[in-house]
Amino acid sequence: QQQVYDLTHETLLFCVKNNLKLIIKTKYEKTFKDYKSLNKLSKKFQDIIMFEYGRADLTPVFNAKIAIGISNSSLINIASCWGVPSILYDQFDMVNERSTSNNCFLVKNLSNLRLKLSLLYSGEHEYSIDRSSEIDPFVDGNALDRIYEYIESLQVIGGAKQERITRANLDYSDKYGKDKVILNTRRN
């Protein structure tokens, strides 16, 4: 929890200095209620913090000037693919830098976080959709359509379960690229 506290505290100080609001998106409401130091921090800065709970709503991050997360945050990674300059606080070297978007910057300590926040906030650089990212290679907002298409093909194709999956995988990879279907070769 120290890593979460340090990141949140440093980001809040930056927000106060620059007269900004901070949206904290967390899956679990209890994160900032059950841990004393985070609870204390959220009360101290309650005027500038807005909490967003839940798993599905990506809206807050797409409206952000900068997105900040810990380790390999899915939300931050997706936002960076869509052109939001992003920072991942990776104190313990858990993120493979090659698997991040061009708009995502890894920081290892608080001084790097301060520096990168200042550079991103005051910078003139324009960030754009990262179409070369391995995280969201399509970056087109049509993932749900592709999922439905894949599931529908599973229902239409005849044969045993494994035959249907194999055929659907082949059809999908023919249409969207061989790198878009990852096969699990390990058997339980």
Protein backbone atom coordinates (compact mmCIF):
# COMPACT_ATOMS: atom_id res chain seq x y z
CA GLN A 1 0.00 0.00 0.00
CA GLN A 2 2.99 2.32 0.41
CA GLN A 3 3.41 2.48 -3.37
CA VAL A 4 -0.24 3.52 -3.81
CA TYR A 5 0.09 6.10 -1.06
CA ASP A 6 3.32 7.58 -2.47
CA LEU A 7 1.93 7.85 -5.98
CA THR A 8 -1.36 9.36 -4.81
CA HIS A 9 0.30 11.83 -2.46
CA GLU A 10 2.78 13.05 -5.06
CA THR A 11 0.06 13.39 -7.69
CA LEU A 12 -2.17 15.32 -5.28
CA LEU A 13 0.66 17.75 -4.48
CA PHE A 14 1.12 18.29 -8.22
CA CYS A 15 -2.62 18.90 -8.63
CA VAL A 16 -2.67 21.46 -5.81
CA LYS A 17 0.33 23.28 -7.29
CA ASN A 18 -1.33 23.47 -10.73
CA ASN A 19 -4.92 24.03 -9.56
CA LEU A 20 -6.12 20.70 -10.99
CA LYS A 21 -8.70 18.12 -9.97
CA LEU A 22 -7.80 14.46 -9.62
CA ILE A 23 -10.09 11.63 -10.63
CA ILE A 24 -9.16 8.47 -8.78
CA LYS A 25 -10.53 5.42 -10.54
CA THR A 26 -10.32 2.28 -8.50
CA LYS A 27 -12.15 -1.01 -8.81
CA TYR A 28 -12.67 -1.25 -5.09
CA GLU A 29 -14.31 1.45 -3.02
CA LYS A 30 -12.71 0.06 0.12
CA THR A 31 -9.17 0.87 -1.11
CA PHE A 32 -9.40 4.45 0.14
CA LYS A 33 -11.61 3.66 3.13
CA ASP A 34 -9.96 0.62 4.70
CA TYR A 35 -6.35 1.79 4.61
CA LYS A 36 -5.78 4.50 7.20
CA SER A 37 -3.08 6.44 5.38
CA LEU A 38 -5.05 6.56 2.10
CA ASN A 39 -8.25 7.45 3.94
CA LYS A 40 -6.45 10.28 5.72
CA LEU A 41 -5.00 11.50 2.42
CA SER A 42 -8.37 11.43 0.66
CA LYS A 43 -9.94 13.47 3.47
CA LYS A 44 -7.11 16.02 3.47
CA PHE A 45 -7.49 16.63 -0.28
CA GLN A 46 -11.23 16.04 -0.56
CA ASP A 47 -11.80 19.33 -2.40
CA ILE A 48 -9.79 18.22 -5.42
CA ILE A 49 -10.45 14.45 -5.50
CA MET A 50 -13.29 12.81 -7.39
CA PHE A 51 -13.67 9.05 -6.97
CA GLU A 52 -14.85 6.79 -9.77
CA TYR A 53 -15.55 3.19 -8.79
CA GLY A 54 -16.25 0.20 -10.95
CA ARG A 55 -14.66 -1.68 -13.77
CA ALA A 56 -16.24 -0.69 -17.04
CA ASP A 57 -16.39 3.09 -17.34
CA LEU A 58 -13.40 4.44 -19.27
CA THR A 59 -14.85 7.95 -19.69
CA PRO A 60 -12.83 9.73 -16.96
CA VAL A 61 -9.47 8.75 -18.37
CA PHE A 62 -10.32 9.75 -21.95
CA ASN A 63 -11.15 13.25 -20.72
CA ALA A 64 -7.94 13.55 -18.72
CA LYS A 65 -4.98 15.74 -19.54
CA ILE A 66 -2.68 13.07 -18.09
CA ALA A 67 -3.42 9.50 -16.94
CA ILE A 68 -1.40 7.99 -14.11
CA GLY A 69 -1.43 4.44 -12.80
CA ILE A 70 0.52 1.80 -10.94
CA SER A 71 2.38 -1.06 -12.61
CA ASN A 72 0.49 -2.53 -15.53
CA SER A 73 -2.85 -0.71 -15.26
CA SER A 74 -5.16 -1.75 -18.10
CA LEU A 75 -7.01 1.55 -17.95
CA ILE A 76 -3.82 3.60 -18.29
CA ASN A 77 -2.49 1.39 -21.07
CA ILE A 78 -5.69 1.73 -23.11
CA ALA A 79 -5.81 5.50 -22.53
CA SER A 80 -2.24 5.84 -23.76
CA CYS A 81 -3.11 3.93 -26.94
CA TRP A 82 -5.88 6.45 -27.53
CA GLY A 83 -3.50 9.41 -27.28
CA VAL A 84 -3.72 10.39 -23.60
CA PRO A 85 -0.19 11.01 -22.28
CA SER A 86 0.23 8.46 -19.50
CA ILE A 87 2.55 7.55 -16.67
CA LEU A 88 2.91 4.13 -15.09
CA TYR A 89 4.59 4.15 -11.70
CA ASP A 90 6.64 0.96 -11.84
CA GLN A 91 8.79 1.00 -8.74
CA PHE A 92 9.35 -2.77 -8.81
CA ASP A 93 10.11 -3.27 -12.55
CA MET A 94 6.96 -5.25 -13.25
CA VAL A 95 6.18 -3.68 -16.66
CA ASN A 96 7.84 -4.69 -19.90
CA GLU A 97 8.52 -1.33 -21.56
CA ARG A 98 8.23 -2.87 -25.03
CA SER A 99 4.59 -3.70 -24.32
CA THR A 100 3.57 -0.12 -23.56
CA SER A 101 2.22 2.50 -25.92
CA ASN A 102 4.36 5.29 -27.37
CA ASN A 103 2.31 7.69 -25.23
CA CYS A 104 3.09 5.87 -21.97
CA PHE A 105 6.09 6.65 -19.79
CA LEU A 106 7.43 4.45 -17.01
CA VAL A 107 8.77 6.05 -13.86
CA LYS A 108 10.62 4.15 -11.14
CA ASN A 109 10.68 6.65 -8.30
CA LEU A 110 9.00 9.79 -7.01
CA SER A 111 11.58 12.21 -8.38
CA ASN A 112 11.07 10.75 -11.89
CA LEU A 113 7.31 11.01 -11.34
CA ARG A 114 7.60 14.71 -10.44
CA LEU A 115 9.77 15.41 -13.46
CA LYS A 116 7.56 13.52 -15.92
CA LEU A 117 4.39 15.12 -14.54
CA SER A 118 5.86 18.58 -15.03
CA LEU A 119 7.08 17.79 -18.53
CA LEU A 120 3.78 16.28 -19.64
CA TYR A 121 1.66 19.01 -18.10
CA SER A 122 3.64 21.93 -19.43
CA GLY A 123 4.77 20.32 -22.69
CA GLU A 124 3.73 21.36 -26.16
CA HIS A 125 3.97 17.86 -27.61
CA GLU A 126 0.82 16.58 -29.30
CA TYR A 127 -0.04 12.98 -28.49
CA SER A 128 -1.96 10.91 -30.98
CA ILE A 129 -3.50 7.48 -31.29
CA ASP A 130 -0.79 4.82 -31.17
CA ARG A 131 -1.73 2.44 -33.95
CA SER A 132 1.49 0.44 -33.54
CA SER A 133 0.72 -0.57 -29.97
CA GLU A 134 0.49 -4.25 -29.10
CA ILE A 135 -1.95 -3.39 -26.32
CA ASP A 136 -4.84 -2.32 -28.53
CA PRO A 137 -3.62 -2.87 -32.09
CA PHE A 138 -6.88 -1.86 -33.75
CA VAL A 139 -7.45 1.36 -31.75
CA ASP A 140 -10.74 1.79 -33.53
CA GLY A 141 -13.38 1.34 -30.87
CA ASN A 142 -14.84 -1.74 -32.60
CA ALA A 143 -13.55 -4.45 -30.26
CA LEU A 144 -17.06 -5.34 -29.13
CA ASP A 145 -18.15 -5.89 -32.75
CA ARG A 146 -15.19 -8.22 -33.32
CA ILE A 147 -16.03 -10.17 -30.16
CA TYR A 148 -19.64 -10.61 -31.28
CA GLU A 149 -18.44 -11.63 -34.75
CA TYR A 150 -16.15 -14.26 -33.23
CA ILE A 151 -18.82 -15.64 -30.90
CA GLU A 152 -21.34 -15.76 -33.75
CA SER A 153 -18.87 -17.71 -35.87
CA LEU A 154 -18.51 -20.24 -33.05
CA GLN A 155 -22.28 -20.75 -33.09
CA VAL A 156 -22.55 -21.07 -36.88
CA ILE A 157 -19.61 -23.40 -37.51
CA GLY A 158 -20.48 -27.09 -37.22
CA GLY A 159 -18.49 -29.81 -35.54
CA ALA A 160 -17.15 -30.63 -32.12
CA LYS A 161 -16.19 -27.86 -29.70
CA GLN A 162 -12.45 -27.89 -30.50
CA GLU A 163 -13.12 -28.01 -34.25
CA ARG A 164 -15.39 -24.95 -34.01
CA ILE A 165 -12.80 -23.03 -31.98
CA THR A 166 -10.01 -23.94 -34.41
CA ARG A 167 -12.11 -22.88 -37.43
CA ALA A 168 -13.20 -19.61 -35.75
CA ASN A 169 -9.56 -18.85 -34.86
CA LEU A 170 -8.46 -19.45 -38.44
CA ASP A 171 -11.24 -17.28 -39.86
CA TYR A 172 -10.46 -14.50 -37.38
CA SER A 173 -6.70 -14.58 -38.01
CA ASP A 174 -7.27 -14.63 -41.80
CA LYS A 175 -9.42 -11.52 -41.53
CA TYR A 176 -7.52 -9.56 -38.85
CA GLY A 177 -4.00 -10.98 -38.83
CA LYS A 178 -2.22 -14.00 -37.42
CA ASP A 179 -0.89 -11.96 -34.50
CA LYS A 180 -4.45 -11.32 -33.27
CA VAL A 181 -5.14 -14.90 -32.12
CA ILE A 182 -3.04 -16.20 -29.27
CA LEU A 183 -3.24 -19.93 -28.82
CA ASN A 184 -2.88 -21.60 -25.45
CA THR A 185 -0.78 -24.64 -26.20
CA ARG A 186 -0.58 -25.80 -22.57
CA ARG A 187 -3.03 -28.49 -21.56
CA ASN A 188 -4.31 -28.92 -18.01
